[in-house]
Amino acid sequence: VFPVRLPPLRGRKEDIPQLSRTFVGRFAAHLNQKIPPFISEESMKILLAYDWPGNVRELEHTLQRAVILANLGGHQAILPEHLAIGPAVSGRDESATGGETDFTILPLEEYERRYLIRVLEHTEGVIHGQHGAASLLQINPTTLRSRLEKLGIKKRKTTENQGDSK
């Protein structure tokens, strides 16, 4: 095994569009989408402007989340509100301050809680199996159950009113 040294992603921004399309295609296939969402022009500008301190892995995880959110919302495109970076993390969330501010900062656990609730809604409460939440998130089902318990999320067969449980 030989180490291959590459400059950080922030030093090779020209790779971001191709990497992004590759990741989006991979995640869309994992969600059994016949046609992967395209990355809107505004979203690509955000991806290119960001410094990517977490390098390629951060880009990968950002796009995985974006594909899931686009799919949940029935969108054909990855929009800025699907990206958890830069201006994309804005007051567009209904539970924020009514859109009066351009930027809402949530505690990480609250953000994770809301995200996991949306994933569970998408999978109709299914955790295990090929189309379960754990598979979509690429984590062990036991790990997911631990996170759900820690965040006070009760798994229900139907996830209506899931946002009410704390």
N, C-alpha and C. Protein backbone atom coordinates (compact mmCIF):
# COMPACT_ATOMS: atom_id res chain seq x y z
N VAL A 1 0.85 -1.18 0.00
CA VAL A 1 0.00 0.00 0.00
C VAL A 1 0.89 1.23 0.00
N PHE A 2 0.59 2.15 -0.91
CA PHE A 2 1.35 3.39 -1.02
C PHE A 2 0.43 4.57 -0.72
N PRO A 3 0.89 5.47 0.11
CA PRO A 3 0.05 6.64 0.38
C PRO A 3 -0.02 7.56 -0.85
N VAL A 4 -1.19 8.06 -1.12
CA VAL A 4 -1.38 9.01 -2.21
C VAL A 4 -1.75 10.34 -1.56
N ARG A 5 -0.94 11.33 -1.78
CA ARG A 5 -1.18 12.64 -1.17
C ARG A 5 -1.89 13.55 -2.18
N LEU A 6 -3.02 14.07 -1.75
CA LEU A 6 -3.78 15.00 -2.58
C LEU A 6 -3.93 16.31 -1.82
N PRO A 7 -3.94 17.42 -2.53
CA PRO A 7 -4.19 18.69 -1.83
C PRO A 7 -5.63 18.70 -1.29
N PRO A 8 -5.88 19.49 -0.26
CA PRO A 8 -7.26 19.55 0.27
C PRO A 8 -8.24 20.01 -0.80
N LEU A 9 -9.50 19.67 -0.61
CA LEU A 9 -10.53 19.99 -1.58
C LEU A 9 -10.61 21.49 -1.84
N ARG A 10 -10.38 22.32 -0.81
CA ARG A 10 -10.45 23.77 -1.00
C ARG A 10 -9.38 24.26 -1.98
N GLY A 11 -8.34 23.45 -2.20
CA GLY A 11 -7.28 23.80 -3.14
C GLY A 11 -7.52 23.26 -4.54
N ARG A 12 -8.59 22.52 -4.73
CA ARG A 12 -8.92 21.96 -6.05
C ARG A 12 -10.41 22.03 -6.29
N LYS A 13 -10.91 23.24 -6.26
CA LYS A 13 -12.35 23.50 -6.42
C LYS A 13 -12.89 22.97 -7.75
N GLU A 14 -12.03 22.84 -8.74
CA GLU A 14 -12.49 22.35 -10.04
C GLU A 14 -12.99 20.91 -9.97
N ASP A 15 -12.63 20.18 -8.90
CA ASP A 15 -13.09 18.80 -8.73
C ASP A 15 -14.50 18.72 -8.12
N ILE A 16 -14.96 19.80 -7.52
CA ILE A 16 -16.22 19.77 -6.79
C ILE A 16 -17.42 19.42 -7.67
N PRO A 17 -17.58 19.99 -8.86
CA PRO A 17 -18.76 19.62 -9.67
C PRO A 17 -18.80 18.12 -10.00
N GLN A 18 -17.70 17.56 -10.42
CA GLN A 18 -17.70 16.14 -10.78
C GLN A 18 -17.90 15.25 -9.57
N LEU A 19 -17.22 15.56 -8.47
CA LEU A 19 -17.41 14.79 -7.24
C LEU A 19 -18.87 14.87 -6.80
N SER A 20 -19.43 16.06 -6.88
CA SER A 20 -20.83 16.27 -6.45
C SER A 20 -21.79 15.43 -7.28
N ARG A 21 -21.63 15.44 -8.59
CA ARG A 21 -22.51 14.65 -9.45
C ARG A 21 -22.35 13.15 -9.16
N THR A 22 -21.13 12.72 -8.91
CA THR A 22 -20.87 11.31 -8.60
C THR A 22 -21.57 10.92 -7.30
N PHE A 23 -21.41 11.74 -6.25
CA PHE A 23 -22.04 11.43 -4.97
C PHE A 23 -23.56 11.45 -5.08
N VAL A 24 -24.11 12.43 -5.76
CA VAL A 24 -25.57 12.53 -5.93
C VAL A 24 -26.09 11.29 -6.65
N GLY A 25 -25.41 10.88 -7.71
CA GLY A 25 -25.83 9.68 -8.45
C GLY A 25 -25.79 8.44 -7.58
N ARG A 26 -24.74 8.31 -6.78
CA ARG A 26 -24.59 7.14 -5.90
C ARG A 26 -25.70 7.11 -4.85
N PHE A 27 -25.98 8.25 -4.21
CA PHE A 27 -26.99 8.28 -3.16
C PHE A 27 -28.39 8.11 -3.72
N ALA A 28 -28.64 8.67 -4.90
CA ALA A 28 -29.95 8.52 -5.54
C ALA A 28 -30.18 7.04 -5.87
N ALA A 29 -29.16 6.37 -6.37
CA ALA A 29 -29.28 4.93 -6.67
C ALA A 29 -29.56 4.15 -5.40
N HIS A 30 -28.92 4.54 -4.31
CA HIS A 30 -29.13 3.86 -3.03
C HIS A 30 -30.58 4.02 -2.57
N LEU A 31 -31.21 5.15 -2.93
CA LEU A 31 -32.61 5.39 -2.58
C LEU A 31 -33.56 4.87 -3.66
N ASN A 32 -33.01 4.13 -4.63
CA ASN A 32 -33.78 3.56 -5.74
C ASN A 32 -34.48 4.62 -6.59
N GLN A 33 -33.83 5.76 -6.75
CA GLN A 33 -34.37 6.79 -7.63
C GLN A 33 -33.87 6.51 -9.05
N LYS A 34 -34.79 6.46 -9.98
CA LYS A 34 -34.40 6.19 -11.38
C LYS A 34 -33.61 7.36 -11.95
N ILE A 35 -34.05 8.58 -11.62
CA ILE A 35 -33.37 9.78 -12.11
C ILE A 35 -32.88 10.56 -10.90
N PRO A 36 -31.55 10.70 -10.75
CA PRO A 36 -31.05 11.45 -9.59
C PRO A 36 -31.38 12.93 -9.71
N PRO A 37 -31.53 13.61 -8.58
CA PRO A 37 -31.80 15.05 -8.65
C PRO A 37 -30.58 15.77 -9.22
N PHE A 38 -30.82 16.86 -9.93
CA PHE A 38 -29.70 17.65 -10.41
C PHE A 38 -29.37 18.70 -9.36
N ILE A 39 -28.18 19.23 -9.42
CA ILE A 39 -27.75 20.25 -8.47
C ILE A 39 -28.05 21.60 -9.09
N SER A 40 -28.90 22.38 -8.42
CA SER A 40 -29.27 23.69 -8.97
C SER A 40 -28.03 24.57 -9.08
N GLU A 41 -28.11 25.56 -9.95
CA GLU A 41 -26.99 26.47 -10.17
C GLU A 41 -26.62 27.19 -8.87
N GLU A 42 -27.62 27.64 -8.13
CA GLU A 42 -27.37 28.34 -6.87
C GLU A 42 -26.70 27.41 -5.85
N SER A 43 -27.13 26.16 -5.82
CA SER A 43 -26.53 25.18 -4.90
C SER A 43 -25.07 24.92 -5.27
N MET A 44 -24.79 24.80 -6.57
CA MET A 44 -23.41 24.57 -7.01
C MET A 44 -22.53 25.75 -6.61
N LYS A 45 -23.05 26.96 -6.72
CA LYS A 45 -22.28 28.14 -6.31
C LYS A 45 -21.93 28.06 -4.82
N ILE A 46 -22.88 27.60 -4.02
CA ILE A 46 -22.64 27.45 -2.58
C ILE A 46 -21.57 26.39 -2.34
N LEU A 47 -21.67 25.26 -3.05
CA LEU A 47 -20.68 24.19 -2.89
C LEU A 47 -19.29 24.67 -3.28
N LEU A 48 -19.20 25.45 -4.35
CA LEU A 48 -17.90 25.95 -4.81
C LEU A 48 -17.33 27.03 -3.89
N ALA A 49 -18.18 27.78 -3.22
CA ALA A 49 -17.72 28.88 -2.36
C ALA A 49 -17.28 28.39 -0.98
N TYR A 50 -17.75 27.22 -0.58
CA TYR A 50 -17.45 26.71 0.76
C TYR A 50 -16.01 26.19 0.81
N ASP A 51 -15.35 26.31 1.99
CA ASP A 51 -13.94 25.91 2.12
C ASP A 51 -13.71 24.43 2.40
N TRP A 52 -14.71 23.68 2.74
CA TRP A 52 -14.64 22.24 2.98
C TRP A 52 -13.54 21.84 3.97
N PRO A 53 -13.67 22.30 5.23
CA PRO A 53 -12.67 21.90 6.22
C PRO A 53 -12.66 20.39 6.46
N GLY A 54 -13.78 19.73 6.21
CA GLY A 54 -13.85 18.28 6.36
C GLY A 54 -13.47 17.53 5.10
N ASN A 55 -13.03 18.27 4.09
CA ASN A 55 -12.53 17.73 2.85
C ASN A 55 -13.62 16.94 2.09
N VAL A 56 -13.22 15.93 1.32
CA VAL A 56 -14.15 15.20 0.45
C VAL A 56 -15.23 14.48 1.26
N ARG A 57 -14.87 13.99 2.42
CA ARG A 57 -15.86 13.29 3.24
C ARG A 57 -16.99 14.23 3.66
N GLU A 58 -16.68 15.48 3.99
CA GLU A 58 -17.72 16.44 4.33
C GLU A 58 -18.62 16.72 3.13
N LEU A 59 -18.03 16.85 1.94
CA LEU A 59 -18.81 17.05 0.73
C LEU A 59 -19.74 15.85 0.52
N GLU A 60 -19.21 14.66 0.68
CA GLU A 60 -19.99 13.44 0.51
C GLU A 60 -21.19 13.42 1.47
N HIS A 61 -20.95 13.69 2.74
CA HIS A 61 -22.03 13.66 3.73
C HIS A 61 -23.05 14.78 3.50
N THR A 62 -22.57 15.94 3.09
CA THR A 62 -23.46 17.06 2.78
C THR A 62 -24.40 16.68 1.65
N LEU A 63 -23.86 16.05 0.61
CA LEU A 63 -24.70 15.68 -0.54
C LEU A 63 -25.60 14.49 -0.24
N GLN A 64 -25.15 13.60 0.63
CA GLN A 64 -26.02 12.49 1.03
C GLN A 64 -27.27 13.05 1.70
N ARG A 65 -27.08 13.96 2.62
CA ARG A 65 -28.19 14.60 3.32
C ARG A 65 -29.07 15.36 2.31
N ALA A 66 -28.45 16.07 1.38
CA ALA A 66 -29.20 16.86 0.39
C ALA A 66 -30.07 15.97 -0.49
N VAL A 67 -29.55 14.82 -0.91
CA VAL A 67 -30.33 13.90 -1.74
C VAL A 67 -31.53 13.37 -0.95
N ILE A 68 -31.32 13.05 0.32
CA ILE A 68 -32.41 12.55 1.15
C ILE A 68 -33.48 13.63 1.31
N LEU A 69 -33.05 14.86 1.60
CA LEU A 69 -34.01 15.95 1.79
C LEU A 69 -34.74 16.29 0.49
N ALA A 70 -34.03 16.28 -0.63
CA ALA A 70 -34.69 16.53 -1.91
C ALA A 70 -35.72 15.45 -2.19
N ASN A 71 -35.37 14.21 -1.90
CA ASN A 71 -36.27 13.08 -2.11
C ASN A 71 -37.49 13.20 -1.20
N LEU A 72 -37.27 13.54 0.07
CA LEU A 72 -38.38 13.69 1.01
C LEU A 72 -39.35 14.79 0.57
N GLY A 73 -38.79 15.85 0.01
CA GLY A 73 -39.62 16.98 -0.41
C GLY A 73 -40.18 16.82 -1.81
N GLY A 74 -39.84 15.73 -2.50
CA GLY A 74 -40.33 15.50 -3.85
C GLY A 74 -39.71 16.43 -4.89
N HIS A 75 -38.51 16.94 -4.61
CA HIS A 75 -37.85 17.86 -5.53
C HIS A 75 -37.01 17.11 -6.56
N GLN A 76 -36.93 17.66 -7.75
CA GLN A 76 -36.09 17.11 -8.82
C GLN A 76 -34.69 17.71 -8.78
N ALA A 77 -34.48 18.67 -7.88
CA ALA A 77 -33.20 19.36 -7.80
C ALA A 77 -32.76 19.47 -6.36
N ILE A 78 -31.45 19.54 -6.18
CA ILE A 78 -30.90 19.85 -4.87
C ILE A 78 -30.86 21.37 -4.78
N LEU A 79 -31.62 21.89 -3.83
CA LEU A 79 -31.76 23.32 -3.64
C LEU A 79 -30.89 23.80 -2.48
N PRO A 80 -30.62 25.09 -2.39
CA PRO A 80 -29.77 25.59 -1.30
C PRO A 80 -30.27 25.18 0.09
N GLU A 81 -31.59 25.11 0.29
CA GLU A 81 -32.08 24.72 1.61
C GLU A 81 -31.80 23.26 1.95
N HIS A 82 -31.39 22.46 0.98
CA HIS A 82 -31.03 21.08 1.23
C HIS A 82 -29.58 20.94 1.69
N LEU A 83 -28.81 22.00 1.55
CA LEU A 83 -27.40 21.98 1.92
C LEU A 83 -27.23 22.52 3.34
N ALA A 84 -26.46 21.84 4.15
CA ALA A 84 -26.25 22.26 5.54
C ALA A 84 -24.95 23.04 5.68
N ILE A 85 -24.70 23.91 4.71
CA ILE A 85 -23.48 24.72 4.76
C ILE A 85 -23.80 26.15 4.36
N GLY A 86 -22.97 27.06 4.77
CA GLY A 86 -23.07 28.46 4.34
C GLY A 86 -24.46 29.02 4.43
N PRO A 87 -24.89 29.79 3.42
CA PRO A 87 -26.19 30.43 3.45
C PRO A 87 -27.35 29.44 3.40
N ALA A 88 -27.06 28.17 3.09
CA ALA A 88 -28.13 27.17 3.02
C ALA A 88 -28.73 26.89 4.39
N VAL A 89 -27.97 27.12 5.46
CA VAL A 89 -28.49 26.91 6.80
C VAL A 89 -29.15 28.22 7.20
N SER A 90 -30.38 28.39 6.75
CA SER A 90 -31.05 29.68 6.91
C SER A 90 -32.33 29.55 7.69
N GLY A 91 -33.03 30.65 7.81
CA GLY A 91 -34.30 30.69 8.53
C GLY A 91 -35.45 30.14 7.72
N ARG A 92 -35.23 29.30 6.76
CA ARG A 92 -36.31 28.75 5.94
C ARG A 92 -37.10 27.67 6.66
N ASP A 93 -36.57 27.17 7.75
CA ASP A 93 -37.26 26.15 8.53
C ASP A 93 -38.51 26.76 9.16
N GLU A 94 -39.67 26.06 9.04
CA GLU A 94 -40.92 26.59 9.57
C GLU A 94 -40.85 26.83 11.07
N SER A 95 -40.05 26.04 11.77
CA SER A 95 -39.99 26.18 13.22
C SER A 95 -39.02 27.28 13.64
N ALA A 96 -38.40 27.92 12.68
CA ALA A 96 -37.49 29.01 13.02
C ALA A 96 -38.31 30.24 13.39
N THR A 97 -37.73 31.40 13.30
CA THR A 97 -38.39 32.61 13.77
C THR A 97 -39.31 33.21 12.73
N GLY A 98 -39.96 32.38 11.94
CA GLY A 98 -40.92 32.88 10.95
C GLY A 98 -40.24 33.51 9.76
N GLY A 99 -38.96 33.21 9.52
CA GLY A 99 -38.26 33.73 8.36
C GLY A 99 -37.83 35.18 8.53
N GLU A 100 -37.89 35.72 9.75
CA GLU A 100 -37.51 37.12 9.96
C GLU A 100 -36.00 37.32 9.88
N THR A 101 -35.24 36.26 10.15
CA THR A 101 -33.79 36.36 10.07
C THR A 101 -33.30 35.52 8.91
N ASP A 102 -32.11 35.80 8.44
CA ASP A 102 -31.54 35.04 7.33
C ASP A 102 -30.77 33.82 7.80
N PHE A 103 -30.52 33.73 9.09
CA PHE A 103 -29.65 32.66 9.56
C PHE A 103 -30.11 32.17 10.92
N THR A 104 -30.41 30.90 11.02
CA THR A 104 -30.82 30.31 12.28
C THR A 104 -29.80 29.27 12.68
N ILE A 105 -29.30 29.39 13.88
CA ILE A 105 -28.35 28.41 14.39
C ILE A 105 -29.08 27.55 15.41
N LEU A 106 -29.03 26.24 15.18
CA LEU A 106 -29.65 25.29 16.10
C LEU A 106 -28.55 24.51 16.80
N PRO A 107 -28.80 24.09 18.03
CA PRO A 107 -27.84 23.17 18.67
C PRO A 107 -27.75 21.91 17.81
N LEU A 108 -26.57 21.34 17.74
CA LEU A 108 -26.34 20.17 16.89
C LEU A 108 -27.31 19.04 17.21
N GLU A 109 -27.56 18.79 18.49
CA GLU A 109 -28.48 17.70 18.85
C GLU A 109 -29.89 17.96 18.33
N GLU A 110 -30.34 19.21 18.35
CA GLU A 110 -31.69 19.53 17.84
C GLU A 110 -31.74 19.35 16.33
N TYR A 111 -30.68 19.76 15.66
CA TYR A 111 -30.61 19.57 14.21
C TYR A 111 -30.65 18.08 13.89
N GLU A 112 -29.84 17.29 14.61
CA GLU A 112 -29.80 15.85 14.39
C GLU A 112 -31.16 15.22 14.69
N ARG A 113 -31.81 15.67 15.76
CA ARG A 113 -33.12 15.16 16.13
C ARG A 113 -34.13 15.39 15.00
N ARG A 114 -34.17 16.61 14.48
CA ARG A 114 -35.11 16.92 13.40
C ARG A 114 -34.80 16.10 12.15
N TYR A 115 -33.52 15.94 11.86
CA TYR A 115 -33.10 15.18 10.69
C TYR A 115 -33.53 13.72 10.82
N LEU A 116 -33.28 13.12 11.98
CA LEU A 116 -33.64 11.72 12.18
C LEU A 116 -35.15 11.52 12.13
N ILE A 117 -35.91 12.48 12.65
CA ILE A 117 -37.37 12.38 12.57
C ILE A 117 -37.81 12.38 11.11
N ARG A 118 -37.21 13.23 10.29
CA ARG A 118 -37.57 13.27 8.86
C ARG A 118 -37.21 11.97 8.16
N VAL A 119 -36.05 11.41 8.50
CA VAL A 119 -35.64 10.14 7.89
C VAL A 119 -36.63 9.04 8.30
N LEU A 120 -37.01 9.01 9.58
CA LEU A 120 -37.99 8.01 10.03
C LEU A 120 -39.34 8.20 9.36
N GLU A 121 -39.74 9.44 9.13
CA GLU A 121 -40.99 9.68 8.41
C GLU A 121 -40.89 9.13 7.00
N HIS A 122 -39.72 9.33 6.38
CA HIS A 122 -39.50 8.84 5.02
C HIS A 122 -39.59 7.31 4.96
N THR A 123 -39.05 6.63 5.97
CA THR A 123 -39.05 5.17 5.97
C THR A 123 -40.27 4.60 6.69
N GLU A 124 -41.21 5.47 7.05
CA GLU A 124 -42.42 5.07 7.76
C GLU A 124 -42.11 4.32 9.04
N GLY A 125 -41.05 4.76 9.72
CA GLY A 125 -40.68 4.19 11.01
C GLY A 125 -39.82 2.94 10.94
N VAL A 126 -39.50 2.47 9.75
CA VAL A 126 -38.71 1.25 9.59
C VAL A 126 -37.23 1.59 9.83
N ILE A 127 -36.61 0.84 10.73
CA ILE A 127 -35.20 1.06 11.06
C ILE A 127 -34.31 0.04 10.37
N HIS A 128 -34.69 -1.23 10.45
CA HIS A 128 -33.88 -2.32 9.88
C HIS A 128 -34.23 -2.56 8.41
N GLY A 129 -33.39 -3.34 7.75
CA GLY A 129 -33.68 -3.77 6.39
C GLY A 129 -33.08 -2.87 5.33
N GLN A 130 -33.20 -3.32 4.10
CA GLN A 130 -32.57 -2.65 2.97
C GLN A 130 -33.06 -1.22 2.78
N HIS A 131 -34.33 -0.96 3.06
CA HIS A 131 -34.89 0.38 2.86
C HIS A 131 -35.17 1.07 4.19
N GLY A 132 -34.60 0.53 5.27
CA GLY A 132 -34.80 1.13 6.59
C GLY A 132 -33.92 2.35 6.79
N ALA A 133 -34.20 3.08 7.85
CA ALA A 133 -33.47 4.31 8.16
C ALA A 133 -31.98 4.04 8.36
N ALA A 134 -31.64 2.97 9.06
CA ALA A 134 -30.23 2.68 9.32
C ALA A 134 -29.47 2.45 8.01
N SER A 135 -30.09 1.75 7.09
CA SER A 135 -29.46 1.50 5.80
C SER A 135 -29.26 2.80 5.02
N LEU A 136 -30.30 3.65 5.01
CA LEU A 136 -30.18 4.94 4.30
C LEU A 136 -29.07 5.80 4.90
N LEU A 137 -28.95 5.76 6.22
CA LEU A 137 -27.94 6.58 6.91
C LEU A 137 -26.58 5.90 6.94
N GLN A 138 -26.54 4.66 6.48
CA GLN A 138 -25.31 3.86 6.45
C GLN A 138 -24.70 3.71 7.83
N ILE A 139 -25.56 3.39 8.81
CA ILE A 139 -25.10 3.12 10.17
C ILE A 139 -25.76 1.84 10.67
N ASN A 140 -25.20 1.28 11.71
CA ASN A 140 -25.73 0.07 12.31
C ASN A 140 -27.09 0.38 12.95
N PRO A 141 -28.09 -0.49 12.78
CA PRO A 141 -29.40 -0.25 13.38
C PRO A 141 -29.35 -0.04 14.90
N THR A 142 -28.45 -0.77 15.57
CA THR A 142 -28.30 -0.60 17.02
C THR A 142 -27.79 0.80 17.35
N THR A 143 -26.87 1.31 16.55
CA THR A 143 -26.36 2.66 16.74
C THR A 143 -27.49 3.67 16.54
N LEU A 144 -28.30 3.46 15.52
CA LEU A 144 -29.41 4.37 15.26
C LEU A 144 -30.39 4.34 16.43
N ARG A 145 -30.72 3.16 16.93
CA ARG A 145 -31.64 3.07 18.07
C ARG A 145 -31.08 3.81 19.28
N SER A 146 -29.78 3.71 19.50
CA SER A 146 -29.14 4.44 20.61
C SER A 146 -29.29 5.94 20.45
N ARG A 147 -29.05 6.43 19.21
CA ARG A 147 -29.17 7.86 18.94
C ARG A 147 -30.61 8.32 19.15
N LEU A 148 -31.56 7.53 18.67
CA LEU A 148 -32.97 7.88 18.82
C LEU A 148 -33.34 7.97 20.30
N GLU A 149 -32.86 7.01 21.08
CA GLU A 149 -33.15 7.02 22.52
C GLU A 149 -32.51 8.22 23.19
N LYS A 150 -31.25 8.50 22.86
CA LYS A 150 -30.54 9.63 23.46
C LYS A 150 -31.23 10.96 23.14
N LEU A 151 -31.76 11.07 21.91
CA LEU A 151 -32.41 12.31 21.48
C LEU A 151 -33.89 12.36 21.86
N GLY A 152 -34.37 11.31 22.53
CA GLY A 152 -35.76 11.29 22.99
C GLY A 152 -36.77 11.07 21.89
N ILE A 153 -36.37 10.38 20.83
CA ILE A 153 -37.27 10.10 19.72
C ILE A 153 -37.81 8.70 19.91
N LYS A 154 -39.11 8.60 20.01
CA LYS A 154 -39.74 7.30 20.17
C LYS A 154 -40.13 6.77 18.80
N LYS A 155 -39.68 5.56 18.49
CA LYS A 155 -40.02 4.94 17.21
C LYS A 155 -41.47 4.50 17.25
N ARG A 156 -42.19 4.90 16.21
CA ARG A 156 -43.59 4.51 16.08
C ARG A 156 -43.80 3.91 14.70
N LYS A 157 -44.77 3.05 14.59
CA LYS A 157 -45.08 2.46 13.29
C LYS A 157 -45.52 3.56 12.32
N THR A 158 -46.39 4.46 12.78
CA THR A 158 -46.73 5.62 11.99
C THR A 158 -46.08 6.81 12.68
N THR A 159 -45.42 7.62 11.94
CA THR A 159 -44.63 8.69 12.54
C THR A 159 -45.35 10.02 12.55
N GLU A 160 -46.68 10.02 12.40
CA GLU A 160 -47.41 11.26 12.54
C GLU A 160 -47.22 11.72 13.98
N ASN A 161 -47.20 12.99 14.21
CA ASN A 161 -46.98 13.59 15.51
C ASN A 161 -45.60 13.28 16.07
N GLN A 162 -44.70 12.72 15.27
CA GLN A 162 -43.35 12.38 15.74
C GLN A 162 -42.63 13.62 16.25
N GLY A 163 -42.88 14.76 15.64
CA GLY A 163 -42.20 15.98 16.05
C GLY A 163 -42.60 16.43 17.44
N ASP A 164 -43.72 15.88 17.97
CA ASP A 164 -44.17 16.28 19.29
C ASP A 164 -43.43 15.56 20.40
N SER A 165 -42.83 14.39 20.11
CA SER A 165 -42.15 13.63 21.18
C SER A 165 -40.77 14.19 21.39
N LYS A 166 -40.44 14.44 22.66
CA LYS A 166 -39.10 14.97 22.98
C LYS A 166 -38.43 14.08 23.98
